[in-house]
N, C-alpha and C. Protein backbone atom coordinates (compact mmCIF):
# COMPACT_ATOMS: atom_id res chain seq x y z
N MET A 1 152.55 139.27 135.61
CA MET A 1 151.37 139.86 134.98
C MET A 1 151.70 140.23 133.55
N LYS A 2 150.86 139.81 132.62
CA LYS A 2 151.10 140.10 131.21
C LYS A 2 149.84 140.66 130.59
N ILE A 3 149.95 141.86 130.00
CA ILE A 3 148.84 142.48 129.30
C ILE A 3 149.20 142.55 127.84
N GLY A 4 148.47 141.81 126.99
CA GLY A 4 148.78 141.79 125.56
C GLY A 4 148.41 143.09 124.88
N ALA A 5 149.12 143.43 123.82
CA ALA A 5 148.85 144.67 123.09
C ALA A 5 147.61 144.56 122.24
N ASN A 6 147.28 143.34 121.82
CA ASN A 6 146.12 143.15 120.95
C ASN A 6 145.04 142.41 121.73
N CYS A 7 143.93 143.12 122.02
CA CYS A 7 142.91 142.54 122.88
C CYS A 7 141.94 141.64 122.14
N PHE A 8 142.18 141.36 120.87
CA PHE A 8 141.26 140.52 120.10
C PHE A 8 141.71 139.06 120.03
N LYS A 9 142.92 138.74 120.51
CA LYS A 9 143.46 137.40 120.35
C LYS A 9 143.04 136.50 121.51
N PHE A 10 141.78 136.08 121.47
CA PHE A 10 141.29 135.26 122.56
C PHE A 10 141.02 133.82 122.14
N GLY A 11 140.52 133.65 120.89
CA GLY A 11 140.24 132.31 120.41
C GLY A 11 139.12 131.62 121.16
N TYR A 12 139.19 130.31 121.14
CA TYR A 12 138.14 129.48 121.70
C TYR A 12 138.04 129.63 123.21
N ASN A 13 139.15 129.86 123.91
CA ASN A 13 139.12 129.97 125.36
C ASN A 13 138.24 131.12 125.82
N LEU A 14 138.17 132.21 125.04
CA LEU A 14 137.32 133.34 125.41
C LEU A 14 135.86 132.93 125.45
N LEU A 15 135.43 132.13 124.48
CA LEU A 15 134.04 131.71 124.44
C LEU A 15 133.69 130.90 125.69
N LEU A 16 134.63 130.08 126.14
CA LEU A 16 134.40 129.30 127.35
C LEU A 16 134.33 130.21 128.57
N LEU A 17 135.24 131.17 128.65
CA LEU A 17 135.29 132.05 129.81
C LEU A 17 134.03 132.89 129.95
N VAL A 18 133.54 133.41 128.81
CA VAL A 18 132.37 134.27 128.86
C VAL A 18 131.18 133.54 129.46
N LYS A 19 131.08 132.24 129.22
CA LYS A 19 129.95 131.47 129.72
C LYS A 19 130.03 131.22 131.21
N ILE A 20 131.23 131.06 131.76
CA ILE A 20 131.34 130.66 133.15
C ILE A 20 131.83 131.76 134.08
N VAL A 21 132.34 132.86 133.53
CA VAL A 21 132.92 133.88 134.38
C VAL A 21 131.86 134.75 135.05
N GLU A 22 130.63 134.64 134.64
CA GLU A 22 129.59 135.51 135.17
C GLU A 22 129.17 135.14 136.59
N GLU A 23 129.36 133.90 137.00
CA GLU A 23 128.82 133.50 138.29
C GLU A 23 129.89 132.94 139.22
N THR A 24 129.77 131.66 139.53
CA THR A 24 130.64 131.05 140.54
C THR A 24 132.11 131.14 140.17
N TYR A 25 132.42 130.85 138.92
CA TYR A 25 133.82 130.84 138.52
C TYR A 25 134.44 132.23 138.62
N GLN A 26 133.66 133.26 138.28
CA GLN A 26 134.18 134.61 138.38
C GLN A 26 134.51 134.95 139.82
N LYS A 27 133.67 134.55 140.77
CA LYS A 27 133.95 134.82 142.18
C LYS A 27 135.25 134.17 142.60
N LYS A 28 135.48 132.94 142.10
CA LYS A 28 136.73 132.26 142.42
C LYS A 28 137.91 133.01 141.82
N LEU A 29 137.74 133.50 140.60
CA LEU A 29 138.81 134.27 139.97
C LEU A 29 139.11 135.54 140.76
N LEU A 30 138.06 136.20 141.23
CA LEU A 30 138.26 137.44 141.97
C LEU A 30 138.92 137.19 143.32
N LEU A 31 138.58 136.09 143.96
CA LEU A 31 139.24 135.74 145.22
C LEU A 31 140.71 135.43 144.99
N ARG A 32 140.99 134.77 143.88
CA ARG A 32 142.39 134.50 143.53
C ARG A 32 143.11 135.80 143.19
N LEU A 33 142.39 136.72 142.51
CA LEU A 33 142.96 138.01 142.19
C LEU A 33 143.32 138.77 143.46
N ASN A 34 142.43 138.69 144.46
CA ASN A 34 142.70 139.34 145.75
C ASN A 34 144.02 138.90 146.34
N GLN A 35 144.40 137.66 146.05
CA GLN A 35 145.64 137.09 146.60
C GLN A 35 146.84 137.33 145.69
N GLY A 36 146.62 138.07 144.59
CA GLY A 36 147.71 138.38 143.70
C GLY A 36 148.01 137.31 142.66
N ASP A 37 147.03 136.49 142.34
CA ASP A 37 147.21 135.41 141.36
C ASP A 37 147.20 136.00 139.95
N GLU A 38 148.34 135.98 139.28
CA GLU A 38 148.44 136.58 137.95
C GLU A 38 147.65 135.81 136.91
N SER A 39 147.53 134.49 137.05
CA SER A 39 146.77 133.72 136.07
C SER A 39 145.29 134.08 136.14
N ALA A 40 144.78 134.37 137.34
CA ALA A 40 143.38 134.81 137.48
C ALA A 40 143.20 136.17 136.81
N PHE A 41 144.17 137.04 137.00
CA PHE A 41 144.12 138.36 136.35
C PHE A 41 144.07 138.22 134.84
N ASN A 42 144.91 137.34 134.31
CA ASN A 42 144.96 137.17 132.85
C ASN A 42 143.66 136.59 132.31
N GLU A 43 143.02 135.71 133.07
CA GLU A 43 141.73 135.16 132.63
C GLU A 43 140.66 136.25 132.62
N LEU A 44 140.66 137.09 133.63
CA LEU A 44 139.71 138.20 133.66
C LEU A 44 139.97 139.17 132.52
N TYR A 45 141.23 139.39 132.23
CA TYR A 45 141.59 140.27 131.11
C TYR A 45 141.05 139.69 129.80
N GLN A 46 141.25 138.43 129.60
CA GLN A 46 140.78 137.80 128.36
C GLN A 46 139.27 137.86 128.25
N ALA A 47 138.58 137.71 129.36
CA ALA A 47 137.12 137.70 129.31
C ALA A 47 136.52 139.09 129.10
N TYR A 48 137.15 140.13 129.65
CA TYR A 48 136.53 141.45 129.66
C TYR A 48 137.19 142.48 128.75
N SER A 49 138.39 142.22 128.27
CA SER A 49 139.09 143.28 127.54
C SER A 49 138.42 143.64 126.22
N LYS A 50 137.89 142.67 125.50
CA LYS A 50 137.28 142.99 124.21
C LYS A 50 136.04 143.88 124.35
N PRO A 51 135.05 143.50 125.19
CA PRO A 51 133.88 144.39 125.31
C PRO A 51 134.25 145.77 125.87
N LEU A 52 135.21 145.82 126.78
CA LEU A 52 135.64 147.11 127.32
C LEU A 52 136.32 147.95 126.25
N TYR A 53 137.16 147.30 125.47
CA TYR A 53 137.86 148.01 124.39
C TYR A 53 136.85 148.61 123.41
N LEU A 54 135.84 147.84 123.03
CA LEU A 54 134.86 148.32 122.06
C LEU A 54 134.05 149.48 122.62
N ARG A 55 133.73 149.45 123.90
CA ARG A 55 133.00 150.55 124.51
C ARG A 55 133.85 151.83 124.55
N ILE A 56 135.12 151.65 124.93
CA ILE A 56 136.01 152.81 124.98
C ILE A 56 136.23 153.37 123.58
N LEU A 57 136.42 152.48 122.61
CA LEU A 57 136.62 152.91 121.22
C LEU A 57 135.42 153.70 120.73
N ARG A 58 134.25 153.27 121.11
CA ARG A 58 133.03 153.96 120.71
C ARG A 58 133.01 155.41 121.21
N MET A 59 133.69 155.63 122.33
CA MET A 59 133.72 156.97 122.91
C MET A 59 134.84 157.84 122.32
N VAL A 60 136.04 157.29 122.20
CA VAL A 60 137.18 158.14 121.83
C VAL A 60 137.48 158.11 120.34
N LYS A 61 136.92 157.14 119.61
CA LYS A 61 137.05 157.06 118.15
C LYS A 61 138.49 156.94 117.67
N SER A 62 139.35 156.37 118.48
CA SER A 62 140.74 156.17 118.08
C SER A 62 141.21 154.83 118.66
N ALA A 63 141.66 153.94 117.77
CA ALA A 63 142.09 152.62 118.22
C ALA A 63 143.29 152.72 119.16
N ASP A 64 144.23 153.60 118.85
CA ASP A 64 145.43 153.74 119.68
C ASP A 64 145.07 154.25 121.07
N ILE A 65 144.20 155.25 121.13
CA ILE A 65 143.81 155.81 122.43
C ILE A 65 143.00 154.79 123.21
N ALA A 66 142.10 154.09 122.54
CA ALA A 66 141.29 153.08 123.21
C ALA A 66 142.17 151.98 123.79
N ASP A 67 143.16 151.56 123.03
CA ASP A 67 144.07 150.52 123.52
C ASP A 67 144.87 151.02 124.73
N GLU A 68 145.31 152.26 124.66
CA GLU A 68 146.06 152.85 125.78
C GLU A 68 145.22 152.92 127.04
N LEU A 69 143.96 153.37 126.89
CA LEU A 69 143.08 153.47 128.05
C LEU A 69 142.72 152.09 128.60
N LEU A 70 142.58 151.12 127.71
CA LEU A 70 142.30 149.75 128.15
C LEU A 70 143.44 149.22 129.01
N GLN A 71 144.67 149.43 128.55
CA GLN A 71 145.82 148.96 129.32
C GLN A 71 145.88 149.66 130.68
N GLU A 72 145.58 150.95 130.69
CA GLU A 72 145.57 151.69 131.96
C GLU A 72 144.50 151.16 132.89
N LEU A 73 143.36 150.79 132.32
CA LEU A 73 142.27 150.23 133.13
C LEU A 73 142.72 148.96 133.85
N PHE A 74 143.37 148.06 133.12
CA PHE A 74 143.76 146.80 133.74
C PHE A 74 144.97 146.96 134.67
N ILE A 75 145.78 147.96 134.44
CA ILE A 75 146.83 148.27 135.40
C ILE A 75 146.21 148.72 136.71
N LYS A 76 145.17 149.57 136.60
CA LYS A 76 144.46 150.01 137.80
C LYS A 76 143.82 148.83 138.52
N LEU A 77 143.26 147.91 137.74
CA LEU A 77 142.65 146.73 138.35
C LEU A 77 143.69 145.94 139.13
N TRP A 78 144.85 145.72 138.52
CA TRP A 78 145.89 144.95 139.20
C TRP A 78 146.36 145.67 140.46
N ASN A 79 146.54 146.97 140.38
CA ASN A 79 147.00 147.73 141.55
C ASN A 79 145.99 147.72 142.68
N ALA A 80 144.70 147.58 142.32
CA ALA A 80 143.64 147.58 143.33
C ALA A 80 143.14 146.17 143.62
N ARG A 81 143.91 145.17 143.25
CA ARG A 81 143.46 143.77 143.32
C ARG A 81 143.00 143.33 144.71
N THR A 82 143.63 143.85 145.74
CA THR A 82 143.29 143.39 147.10
C THR A 82 141.96 143.95 147.58
N THR A 83 141.43 144.98 146.91
CA THR A 83 140.20 145.63 147.37
C THR A 83 138.98 145.27 146.52
N VAL A 84 139.16 144.48 145.45
CA VAL A 84 138.03 144.11 144.59
C VAL A 84 137.08 143.20 145.37
N ASP A 85 135.81 143.56 145.39
CA ASP A 85 134.79 142.82 146.13
C ASP A 85 134.14 141.79 145.22
N SER A 86 134.35 140.52 145.52
CA SER A 86 133.80 139.44 144.69
C SER A 86 132.29 139.33 144.80
N GLU A 87 131.68 139.99 145.79
CA GLU A 87 130.23 139.91 145.98
C GLU A 87 129.48 141.00 145.20
N LYS A 88 130.22 141.96 144.67
CA LYS A 88 129.59 143.04 143.91
C LYS A 88 129.80 142.84 142.42
N SER A 89 129.05 143.57 141.60
CA SER A 89 129.13 143.43 140.15
C SER A 89 130.51 143.83 139.64
N PHE A 90 131.24 142.85 139.15
CA PHE A 90 132.57 143.13 138.63
C PHE A 90 132.49 143.91 137.32
N GLN A 91 131.48 143.62 136.52
CA GLN A 91 131.30 144.33 135.25
C GLN A 91 131.08 145.81 135.50
N SER A 92 130.22 146.14 136.46
CA SER A 92 129.96 147.55 136.78
C SER A 92 131.22 148.22 137.31
N TYR A 93 131.99 147.47 138.08
CA TYR A 93 133.25 147.98 138.62
C TYR A 93 134.19 148.37 137.49
N LEU A 94 134.32 147.49 136.50
CA LEU A 94 135.20 147.78 135.37
C LEU A 94 134.67 148.94 134.53
N TYR A 95 133.36 148.99 134.30
CA TYR A 95 132.79 150.06 133.50
C TYR A 95 132.94 151.41 134.18
N THR A 96 132.90 151.42 135.51
CA THR A 96 133.10 152.66 136.24
C THR A 96 134.53 153.17 136.05
N ILE A 97 135.49 152.26 136.11
CA ILE A 97 136.88 152.65 135.86
C ILE A 97 137.01 153.19 134.44
N ALA A 98 136.40 152.49 133.47
CA ALA A 98 136.47 152.92 132.07
C ALA A 98 135.85 154.30 131.91
N GLN A 99 134.71 154.53 132.54
CA GLN A 99 134.04 155.82 132.46
C GLN A 99 134.94 156.93 132.98
N ASN A 100 135.60 156.69 134.11
CA ASN A 100 136.47 157.70 134.69
C ASN A 100 137.68 157.97 133.80
N LEU A 101 138.24 156.93 133.21
CA LEU A 101 139.39 157.10 132.33
C LEU A 101 139.03 157.91 131.09
N VAL A 102 137.87 157.61 130.50
CA VAL A 102 137.43 158.36 129.32
C VAL A 102 137.14 159.81 129.68
N TYR A 103 136.49 160.01 130.81
CA TYR A 103 136.19 161.37 131.25
C TYR A 103 137.48 162.16 131.47
N ASN A 104 138.45 161.55 132.13
CA ASN A 104 139.73 162.23 132.37
C ASN A 104 140.46 162.53 131.07
N TYR A 105 140.32 161.63 130.12
CA TYR A 105 140.94 161.85 128.82
C TYR A 105 140.35 163.08 128.13
N PHE A 106 139.02 163.19 128.15
CA PHE A 106 138.37 164.34 127.54
C PHE A 106 138.68 165.63 128.31
N ARG A 107 138.75 165.52 129.62
CA ARG A 107 139.08 166.70 130.42
C ARG A 107 140.50 167.19 130.10
N LYS A 108 141.41 166.25 129.93
CA LYS A 108 142.78 166.60 129.53
C LYS A 108 142.77 167.25 128.15
N ALA A 109 141.93 166.73 127.26
CA ALA A 109 141.87 167.26 125.90
C ALA A 109 141.47 168.73 125.89
N ALA A 110 140.65 169.12 126.86
CA ALA A 110 140.18 170.50 126.91
C ALA A 110 141.30 171.49 127.15
N HIS A 111 142.46 171.01 127.63
CA HIS A 111 143.58 171.90 127.92
C HIS A 111 144.78 171.63 127.01
N ASP A 112 144.57 170.83 125.99
CA ASP A 112 145.67 170.46 125.10
C ASP A 112 145.23 170.73 123.66
N GLN A 113 145.78 171.77 123.07
CA GLN A 113 145.33 172.21 121.76
C GLN A 113 145.51 171.12 120.69
N ALA A 114 146.67 170.49 120.69
CA ALA A 114 146.94 169.45 119.69
C ALA A 114 146.02 168.25 119.89
N LEU A 115 145.78 167.92 121.16
CA LEU A 115 144.92 166.78 121.46
C LEU A 115 143.48 167.07 121.07
N ILE A 116 143.05 168.31 121.26
CA ILE A 116 141.70 168.69 120.87
C ILE A 116 141.50 168.46 119.37
N GLU A 117 142.45 168.96 118.58
CA GLU A 117 142.32 168.82 117.13
C GLU A 117 142.34 167.36 116.71
N SER A 118 143.23 166.59 117.32
CA SER A 118 143.30 165.16 117.00
C SER A 118 142.01 164.46 117.37
N LEU A 119 141.48 164.79 118.53
CA LEU A 119 140.24 164.18 119.01
C LEU A 119 139.08 164.49 118.10
N ILE A 120 138.96 165.75 117.71
CA ILE A 120 137.84 166.16 116.86
C ILE A 120 137.95 165.52 115.48
N ILE A 121 139.15 165.51 114.92
CA ILE A 121 139.33 164.90 113.60
C ILE A 121 139.06 163.40 113.66
N ASN A 122 139.51 162.73 114.72
CA ASN A 122 139.22 161.30 114.87
C ASN A 122 137.72 161.04 114.90
N ALA A 123 137.01 161.87 115.67
CA ALA A 123 135.56 161.70 115.77
C ALA A 123 134.88 161.99 114.43
N ALA A 124 135.32 163.05 113.77
CA ALA A 124 134.74 163.39 112.46
C ALA A 124 134.98 162.27 111.46
N ASN A 125 136.21 161.76 111.41
CA ASN A 125 136.52 160.66 110.50
C ASN A 125 135.68 159.44 110.81
N TYR A 126 135.51 159.15 112.10
CA TYR A 126 134.75 157.97 112.52
C TYR A 126 133.31 158.05 112.00
N TYR A 127 132.68 159.18 112.21
CA TYR A 127 131.28 159.30 111.80
C TYR A 127 131.12 159.50 110.30
N LEU A 128 132.03 160.24 109.70
CA LEU A 128 131.90 160.48 108.26
C LEU A 128 132.23 159.25 107.44
N ASN A 129 133.05 158.36 107.97
CA ASN A 129 133.45 157.17 107.21
C ASN A 129 132.73 155.90 107.66
N GLY A 130 131.91 156.00 108.70
CA GLY A 130 131.27 154.81 109.24
C GLY A 130 129.78 154.77 108.98
N GLN A 131 129.12 153.90 109.73
CA GLN A 131 127.69 153.69 109.55
C GLN A 131 126.86 154.41 110.61
N GLU A 132 127.50 155.20 111.50
CA GLU A 132 126.79 155.82 112.60
C GLU A 132 126.64 157.32 112.41
N LEU A 133 126.63 157.76 111.18
CA LEU A 133 126.72 159.18 110.88
C LEU A 133 125.75 160.02 111.72
N LEU A 134 124.48 159.65 111.72
CA LEU A 134 123.50 160.46 112.43
C LEU A 134 122.73 159.66 113.48
N GLU A 135 123.32 158.55 113.96
CA GLU A 135 122.62 157.71 114.93
C GLU A 135 122.58 158.34 116.32
N ASN A 136 123.68 158.97 116.72
CA ASN A 136 123.72 159.59 118.04
C ASN A 136 123.26 161.03 117.95
N LYS A 137 122.27 161.41 118.74
CA LYS A 137 121.64 162.72 118.57
C LYS A 137 122.60 163.86 118.91
N GLU A 138 123.50 163.65 119.91
CA GLU A 138 124.43 164.71 120.27
C GLU A 138 125.41 164.98 119.13
N THR A 139 126.00 163.89 118.61
CA THR A 139 126.95 164.05 117.52
C THR A 139 126.24 164.53 116.27
N ALA A 140 125.03 164.02 116.04
CA ALA A 140 124.27 164.42 114.86
C ALA A 140 124.00 165.92 114.85
N ALA A 141 123.82 166.52 116.02
CA ALA A 141 123.49 167.94 116.09
C ALA A 141 124.57 168.80 115.46
N ILE A 142 125.82 168.57 115.83
CA ILE A 142 126.90 169.40 115.28
C ILE A 142 127.19 169.04 113.83
N LEU A 143 127.04 167.75 113.48
CA LEU A 143 127.24 167.36 112.09
C LEU A 143 126.19 167.98 111.19
N LYS A 144 124.96 168.01 111.64
CA LYS A 144 123.89 168.61 110.84
C LYS A 144 124.15 170.10 110.63
N GLN A 145 124.63 170.77 111.67
CA GLN A 145 124.96 172.18 111.52
C GLN A 145 126.05 172.37 110.48
N ALA A 146 127.06 171.47 110.52
CA ALA A 146 128.15 171.56 109.56
C ALA A 146 127.66 171.30 108.14
N ILE A 147 126.77 170.33 107.99
CA ILE A 147 126.23 170.00 106.67
C ILE A 147 125.41 171.16 106.11
N GLU A 148 124.69 171.85 106.99
CA GLU A 148 123.86 172.98 106.55
C GLU A 148 124.69 174.13 105.99
N GLN A 149 125.98 174.18 106.35
CA GLN A 149 126.85 175.25 105.86
C GLN A 149 127.34 175.00 104.43
N LEU A 150 127.12 173.80 103.93
CA LEU A 150 127.62 173.46 102.59
C LEU A 150 126.82 174.18 101.50
N PRO A 151 127.48 174.49 100.37
CA PRO A 151 126.74 175.02 99.21
C PRO A 151 125.69 173.99 98.78
N PRO A 152 124.59 174.45 98.17
CA PRO A 152 123.47 173.55 97.84
C PRO A 152 123.87 172.28 97.09
N GLN A 153 124.70 172.39 96.06
CA GLN A 153 125.03 171.20 95.28
C GLN A 153 125.86 170.22 96.09
N ARG A 154 126.81 170.71 96.87
CA ARG A 154 127.62 169.82 97.71
C ARG A 154 126.77 169.17 98.80
N LYS A 155 125.85 169.95 99.34
CA LYS A 155 124.97 169.39 100.36
C LYS A 155 124.11 168.28 99.78
N ARG A 156 123.64 168.47 98.55
CA ARG A 156 122.83 167.46 97.88
C ARG A 156 123.64 166.19 97.62
N VAL A 157 124.88 166.37 97.17
CA VAL A 157 125.76 165.22 96.94
C VAL A 157 126.00 164.47 98.25
N PHE A 158 126.27 165.22 99.31
CA PHE A 158 126.53 164.60 100.62
C PHE A 158 125.30 163.83 101.10
N GLN A 159 124.13 164.43 100.92
CA GLN A 159 122.89 163.78 101.33
C GLN A 159 122.68 162.47 100.58
N LEU A 160 122.89 162.50 99.28
CA LEU A 160 122.67 161.31 98.47
C LEU A 160 123.68 160.21 98.80
N CYS A 161 124.96 160.57 98.90
CA CYS A 161 126.01 159.55 99.05
C CYS A 161 126.20 159.09 100.49
N LYS A 162 126.18 160.03 101.44
CA LYS A 162 126.47 159.66 102.82
C LYS A 162 125.22 159.30 103.62
N ILE A 163 124.17 160.06 103.45
CA ILE A 163 122.96 159.82 104.23
C ILE A 163 122.12 158.71 103.59
N GLU A 164 121.94 158.78 102.27
CA GLU A 164 121.10 157.80 101.59
C GLU A 164 121.88 156.60 101.07
N GLY A 165 123.20 156.67 101.07
CA GLY A 165 124.03 155.53 100.71
C GLY A 165 124.11 155.23 99.22
N LYS A 166 123.86 156.22 98.39
CA LYS A 166 123.92 155.99 96.95
C LYS A 166 125.37 156.04 96.47
N SER A 167 125.64 155.33 95.39
CA SER A 167 126.98 155.34 94.80
C SER A 167 127.20 156.66 94.08
N TYR A 168 128.45 156.95 93.73
CA TYR A 168 128.74 158.17 93.00
C TYR A 168 128.06 158.15 91.63
N GLU A 169 127.98 156.98 91.04
CA GLU A 169 127.32 156.86 89.74
C GLU A 169 125.83 157.19 89.86
N GLU A 170 125.18 156.64 90.89
CA GLU A 170 123.75 156.89 91.09
C GLU A 170 123.49 158.37 91.38
N ALA A 171 124.32 158.93 92.27
CA ALA A 171 124.15 160.35 92.60
C ALA A 171 124.37 161.22 91.36
N GLY A 172 125.35 160.84 90.56
CA GLY A 172 125.62 161.60 89.34
C GLY A 172 124.45 161.59 88.38
N ARG A 173 123.80 160.41 88.24
CA ARG A 173 122.65 160.32 87.34
C ARG A 173 121.49 161.17 87.86
N ILE A 174 121.28 161.15 89.18
CA ILE A 174 120.18 161.92 89.75
C ILE A 174 120.40 163.42 89.56
N MET A 175 121.66 163.85 89.70
CA MET A 175 121.96 165.27 89.65
C MET A 175 122.40 165.74 88.27
N GLY A 176 122.61 164.80 87.34
CA GLY A 176 123.02 165.17 86.00
C GLY A 176 124.47 165.63 85.93
N ILE A 177 125.32 165.05 86.77
CA ILE A 177 126.74 165.38 86.76
C ILE A 177 127.54 164.09 86.70
N SER A 178 128.83 164.18 86.41
CA SER A 178 129.66 163.00 86.28
C SER A 178 130.06 162.45 87.66
N PRO A 179 130.38 161.14 87.74
CA PRO A 179 130.87 160.57 88.99
C PRO A 179 132.11 161.28 89.51
N ALA A 180 132.97 161.74 88.60
CA ALA A 180 134.17 162.47 89.02
C ALA A 180 133.80 163.77 89.72
N THR A 181 132.76 164.44 89.22
CA THR A 181 132.31 165.67 89.86
C THR A 181 131.70 165.39 91.22
N VAL A 182 130.96 164.28 91.31
CA VAL A 182 130.40 163.86 92.60
C VAL A 182 131.53 163.62 93.59
N ASN A 183 132.56 162.92 93.14
CA ASN A 183 133.71 162.64 94.01
C ASN A 183 134.36 163.94 94.49
N SER A 184 134.50 164.89 93.59
CA SER A 184 135.09 166.17 93.95
C SER A 184 134.24 166.89 94.99
N HIS A 185 132.92 166.89 94.80
CA HIS A 185 132.02 167.52 95.76
C HIS A 185 132.11 166.83 97.13
N MET A 186 132.18 165.50 97.13
CA MET A 186 132.25 164.76 98.38
C MET A 186 133.53 165.09 99.13
N THR A 187 134.65 165.10 98.42
CA THR A 187 135.94 165.40 99.05
C THR A 187 135.92 166.78 99.69
N LYS A 188 135.40 167.76 98.95
CA LYS A 188 135.35 169.13 99.46
C LYS A 188 134.33 169.26 100.59
N SER A 189 133.24 168.50 100.51
CA SER A 189 132.22 168.55 101.57
C SER A 189 132.77 168.02 102.88
N ILE A 190 133.44 166.88 102.82
CA ILE A 190 133.99 166.28 104.04
C ILE A 190 135.03 167.19 104.67
N GLN A 191 135.87 167.80 103.85
CA GLN A 191 136.87 168.73 104.39
C GLN A 191 136.20 169.94 105.02
N ALA A 192 135.15 170.45 104.37
CA ALA A 192 134.43 171.61 104.90
C ALA A 192 133.77 171.28 106.24
N ILE A 193 133.24 170.08 106.35
CA ILE A 193 132.60 169.66 107.61
C ILE A 193 133.64 169.57 108.72
N LYS A 194 134.81 168.99 108.42
CA LYS A 194 135.87 168.92 109.42
C LYS A 194 136.32 170.32 109.84
N ASP A 195 136.44 171.21 108.88
CA ASP A 195 136.86 172.58 109.19
C ASP A 195 135.83 173.27 110.08
N TYR A 196 134.56 173.04 109.80
CA TYR A 196 133.50 173.64 110.60
C TYR A 196 133.56 173.14 112.04
N ILE A 197 133.76 171.83 112.20
CA ILE A 197 133.83 171.26 113.55
C ILE A 197 135.03 171.81 114.30
N LEU A 198 136.16 171.96 113.62
CA LEU A 198 137.35 172.52 114.26
C LEU A 198 137.13 173.97 114.67
N ARG A 199 136.39 174.71 113.86
CA ARG A 199 136.12 176.12 114.20
C ARG A 199 135.17 176.22 115.40
N ASN A 200 134.40 175.18 115.62
CA ASN A 200 133.44 175.15 116.74
C ASN A 200 133.85 174.09 117.75
N ARG A 201 135.14 174.05 118.03
CA ARG A 201 135.71 172.97 118.86
C ARG A 201 135.16 172.94 120.27
N ASP A 202 134.83 174.09 120.84
CA ASP A 202 134.31 174.09 122.21
C ASP A 202 133.01 173.31 122.29
N MET A 203 132.13 173.55 121.33
CA MET A 203 130.87 172.83 121.30
C MET A 203 131.11 171.35 121.03
N ALA A 204 132.04 171.05 120.12
CA ALA A 204 132.33 169.66 119.78
C ALA A 204 132.86 168.91 120.99
N ILE A 205 133.78 169.52 121.73
CA ILE A 205 134.35 168.87 122.91
C ILE A 205 133.27 168.65 123.96
N LEU A 206 132.41 169.65 124.16
CA LEU A 206 131.33 169.51 125.15
C LEU A 206 130.40 168.37 124.78
N ILE A 207 130.03 168.29 123.51
CA ILE A 207 129.14 167.23 123.05
C ILE A 207 129.78 165.87 123.24
N MET A 208 131.05 165.75 122.80
CA MET A 208 131.71 164.45 122.88
C MET A 208 131.99 164.04 124.32
N THR A 209 132.30 165.02 125.18
CA THR A 209 132.53 164.70 126.59
C THR A 209 131.26 164.20 127.25
N THR A 210 130.16 164.92 127.02
CA THR A 210 128.88 164.50 127.58
C THR A 210 128.49 163.12 127.08
N TYR A 211 128.67 162.90 125.79
CA TYR A 211 128.34 161.60 125.19
C TYR A 211 129.21 160.50 125.77
N ALA A 212 130.49 160.79 125.95
CA ALA A 212 131.41 159.78 126.47
C ALA A 212 131.04 159.35 127.88
N VAL A 213 130.78 160.33 128.73
CA VAL A 213 130.48 160.03 130.13
C VAL A 213 129.18 159.26 130.27
N SER A 214 128.17 159.63 129.47
CA SER A 214 126.87 158.94 129.56
C SER A 214 126.86 157.63 128.77
N GLY A 215 127.56 157.60 127.65
CA GLY A 215 127.47 156.47 126.75
C GLY A 215 128.29 155.26 127.13
N ILE A 216 129.34 155.45 127.93
CA ILE A 216 130.20 154.32 128.27
C ILE A 216 129.46 153.27 129.06
N MET A 217 128.38 153.67 129.77
CA MET A 217 127.65 152.72 130.60
C MET A 217 126.51 152.06 129.87
N LYS A 218 126.29 152.38 128.61
CA LYS A 218 125.17 151.81 127.87
C LYS A 218 125.47 150.38 127.45
């Protein structure tokens, strides 16, 4: 049994597997898996690891943690190979394992101070640096509260650059300040938002845990 560290290296064979693994061929793979066939396991890994990885990453906001949980998921699959039912939805089976792993990860985080801080900062970085800033209503709630704590000028800069997507030059022209000043306001705003989330970590963990458990199945 071989589980690769990088779940993106599938190439052309992945495209073929995705087309045929959903029906008859998948059942054959699962029957072979029941018998301990490692090549069947590897084919299932290649077909499902990327979408599973992306779903887990969406929840935990850390590539390293997502990769670790993905590997644990497929180890669990291999250990339970004799009990996998080829007549039931294999995708749902895998997503259920993923959901439980993510939930257990967040539950562990609630009792680990260092892990809590790392988790919150990872999530804050993910949303503050990505395109999903206010797309999820649960995450948006705490971010909006954090943004409301900013001084008026910093809040305006954050609104223009992060929410409306304007460049520092554009924001500077609108506000009558230099791009360097905009950059300074943005840097301080992002740090202030992270600090606010850390100060309200209980609420942040609750929101992210609820989101993780419900969102992994979407």
